[in-house]
Amino acid sequence: MSDADVITRMLHAIDRRDWAAVKDSFTDPVDTDYTSLWGGEPETIAIDALITQWTEFLKGFGATQHLTGPLHASGDRVETHVTAHHWRPDTGNAWVVHGHYIARIANGKIAGLTLQTFHASGDPDLPHIPAQRE
């Protein structure tokens, strides 16, 4: 598997809710930067804590779909555009994030992940609905 494949593998695993495969895609800990989407500060986080955050965030979404490409790998860096669809099963509403991922790869795993958000569309309230949405 090439370094570029690890991003695709990780995003497909998120869409399948295959948390073991997600965990296997990252170093522990991992540097993350989602400040362009959520604000705050970049952080270094244990992979189990990151998966817990993502699991809680995705509760209640009936499905997600992360579309990427093209992928560009250079040295220890992989970049790709991403469109992430998040659907609610009870309403059919969606929240979609359009952006660009930059990943730092170490030994075939993601050691750092930055999202550069271009635009979010759809229902802006969906990401803020409490985790008790199941």
Protein backbone atom coordinates (compact mmCIF):
# COMPACT_ATOMS: atom_id res chain seq x y z
CA MET A 1 0.00 0.00 0.00
CA SER A 2 1.35 3.42 -0.90
CA ASP A 3 1.43 6.35 1.51
CA ALA A 4 -1.31 8.03 -0.56
CA ASP A 5 -3.63 5.07 0.04
CA VAL A 6 -3.73 5.56 3.81
CA ILE A 7 -6.01 8.63 3.55
CA THR A 8 -8.48 6.80 1.32
CA ARG A 9 -8.38 3.72 3.57
CA MET A 10 -9.02 5.88 6.67
CA LEU A 11 -11.93 7.79 5.13
CA HIS A 12 -13.57 4.63 3.78
CA ALA A 13 -13.22 3.09 7.25
CA ILE A 14 -14.95 6.13 8.81
CA ASP A 15 -17.83 5.76 6.35
CA ARG A 16 -18.13 2.06 7.30
CA ARG A 17 -17.72 2.91 11.04
CA ASP A 18 -14.81 0.44 11.08
CA TRP A 19 -13.02 2.03 14.02
CA ALA A 20 -10.29 -0.64 14.17
CA ALA A 21 -9.27 0.21 10.60
CA VAL A 22 -9.43 3.93 11.41
CA LYS A 23 -7.16 3.38 14.40
CA ASP A 24 -4.75 1.35 12.27
CA SER A 25 -4.47 4.29 9.83
CA PHE A 26 -2.91 6.63 12.44
CA THR A 27 0.13 6.94 14.63
CA ASP A 28 -0.52 7.32 18.35
CA PRO A 29 -0.66 10.14 19.21
CA VAL A 30 -1.57 12.10 16.07
CA ASP A 31 -1.42 15.83 15.31
CA THR A 32 -4.75 17.20 14.06
CA ASP A 33 -5.81 20.61 12.80
CA TYR A 34 -9.49 21.21 12.15
CA THR A 35 -9.32 24.91 13.03
CA SER A 36 -10.57 25.99 9.60
CA LEU A 37 -13.82 24.12 10.32
CA TRP A 38 -14.31 24.41 14.09
CA GLY A 39 -11.94 27.15 15.27
CA GLY A 40 -9.86 26.48 18.34
CA GLU A 41 -6.27 25.29 18.18
CA PRO A 42 -4.46 22.40 16.50
CA GLU A 43 -3.88 19.53 18.92
CA THR A 44 -1.87 16.42 19.52
CA ILE A 45 -4.33 13.73 20.60
CA ALA A 46 -4.25 10.05 21.49
CA ILE A 47 -5.81 8.01 18.71
CA ASP A 48 -8.36 6.42 21.08
CA ALA A 49 -9.51 9.90 22.16
CA LEU A 50 -9.80 11.02 18.53
CA ILE A 51 -11.87 7.97 17.64
CA THR A 52 -14.11 8.62 20.65
CA GLN A 53 -14.67 12.20 19.44
CA TRP A 54 -15.45 11.05 15.90
CA THR A 55 -17.75 8.25 17.12
CA GLU A 56 -19.76 10.71 19.23
CA PHE A 57 -19.90 13.26 16.41
CA LEU A 58 -21.20 10.71 13.90
CA LYS A 59 -23.96 9.34 16.15
CA GLY A 60 -27.29 9.95 14.51
CA PHE A 61 -25.92 10.48 11.03
CA GLY A 62 -27.44 7.72 8.93
CA ALA A 63 -24.48 7.74 6.59
CA THR A 64 -21.38 9.65 5.66
CA GLN A 65 -19.50 9.65 2.39
CA HIS A 66 -16.02 11.09 1.97
CA LEU A 67 -15.06 11.68 -1.66
CA THR A 68 -11.40 12.44 -2.39
CA GLY A 69 -9.09 13.12 -5.25
CA PRO A 70 -6.85 13.67 -6.87
CA LEU A 71 -4.23 12.50 -4.40
CA HIS A 72 -0.71 13.92 -4.53
CA ALA A 73 2.16 12.37 -2.57
CA SER A 74 5.53 14.05 -2.12
CA GLY A 75 8.03 12.90 0.49
CA ASP A 76 6.17 12.36 3.76
CA ARG A 77 3.20 14.50 2.68
CA VAL A 78 -0.04 13.47 0.97
CA GLU A 79 -2.70 15.96 -0.16
CA THR A 80 -6.19 15.52 -1.55
CA HIS A 81 -9.40 17.43 -2.02
CA VAL A 82 -12.30 16.11 0.04
CA THR A 83 -16.06 16.45 -0.01
CA ALA A 84 -17.65 14.97 3.10
CA HIS A 85 -21.41 14.32 3.07
CA HIS A 86 -23.21 13.76 6.41
CA TRP A 87 -26.89 12.66 6.25
CA ARG A 88 -29.57 12.51 8.96
CA PRO A 89 -31.84 9.46 8.61
CA ASP A 90 -34.90 11.03 10.22
CA THR A 91 -34.99 14.21 8.15
CA GLY A 92 -32.99 13.44 5.03
CA ASN A 93 -31.09 16.67 5.68
CA ALA A 94 -27.41 16.81 4.90
CA TRP A 95 -24.37 18.82 5.90
CA VAL A 96 -21.52 18.85 3.41
CA VAL A 97 -17.94 20.00 3.95
CA HIS A 98 -15.73 20.86 0.99
CA GLY A 99 -12.01 21.13 1.61
CA HIS A 100 -8.48 19.90 1.25
CA TYR A 101 -6.65 17.39 3.47
CA ILE A 102 -2.93 17.54 4.10
CA ALA A 103 -1.48 14.49 5.83
CA ARG A 104 1.99 13.88 7.19
CA ILE A 105 2.83 10.18 6.85
CA ALA A 106 5.22 8.20 9.06
CA ASN A 107 5.81 4.49 8.50
CA GLY A 108 2.65 4.16 6.39
CA LYS A 109 0.40 5.85 8.96
CA ILE A 110 -1.06 9.34 9.34
CA ALA A 111 1.03 11.23 11.89
CA GLY A 112 -0.57 14.61 11.19
CA LEU A 113 -3.85 15.59 9.53
CA THR A 114 -4.94 19.11 8.58
CA LEU A 115 -8.25 20.06 7.00
CA GLN A 116 -8.36 23.28 5.02
CA THR A 117 -12.09 23.99 4.75
CA PHE A 118 -13.23 25.76 1.58
CA HIS A 119 -16.98 25.76 2.19
CA ALA A 120 -19.73 24.03 4.15
CA SER A 121 -23.21 23.67 2.70
CA GLY A 122 -26.54 22.13 3.60
CA ASP A 123 -28.09 22.23 7.07
CA PRO A 124 -25.66 24.18 9.29
CA ASP A 125 -27.41 22.97 12.47
CA LEU A 126 -26.63 19.27 11.93
CA PRO A 127 -23.10 19.28 13.38
CA HIS A 128 -24.36 21.00 16.54
CA ILE A 129 -27.15 18.58 17.42
CA PRO A 130 -26.28 16.81 20.70
CA ALA A 131 -24.82 13.33 20.60
CA GLN A 132 -28.10 11.88 21.91
CA ARG A 133 -29.48 11.83 18.38
CA GLU A 134 -29.68 8.06 18.02
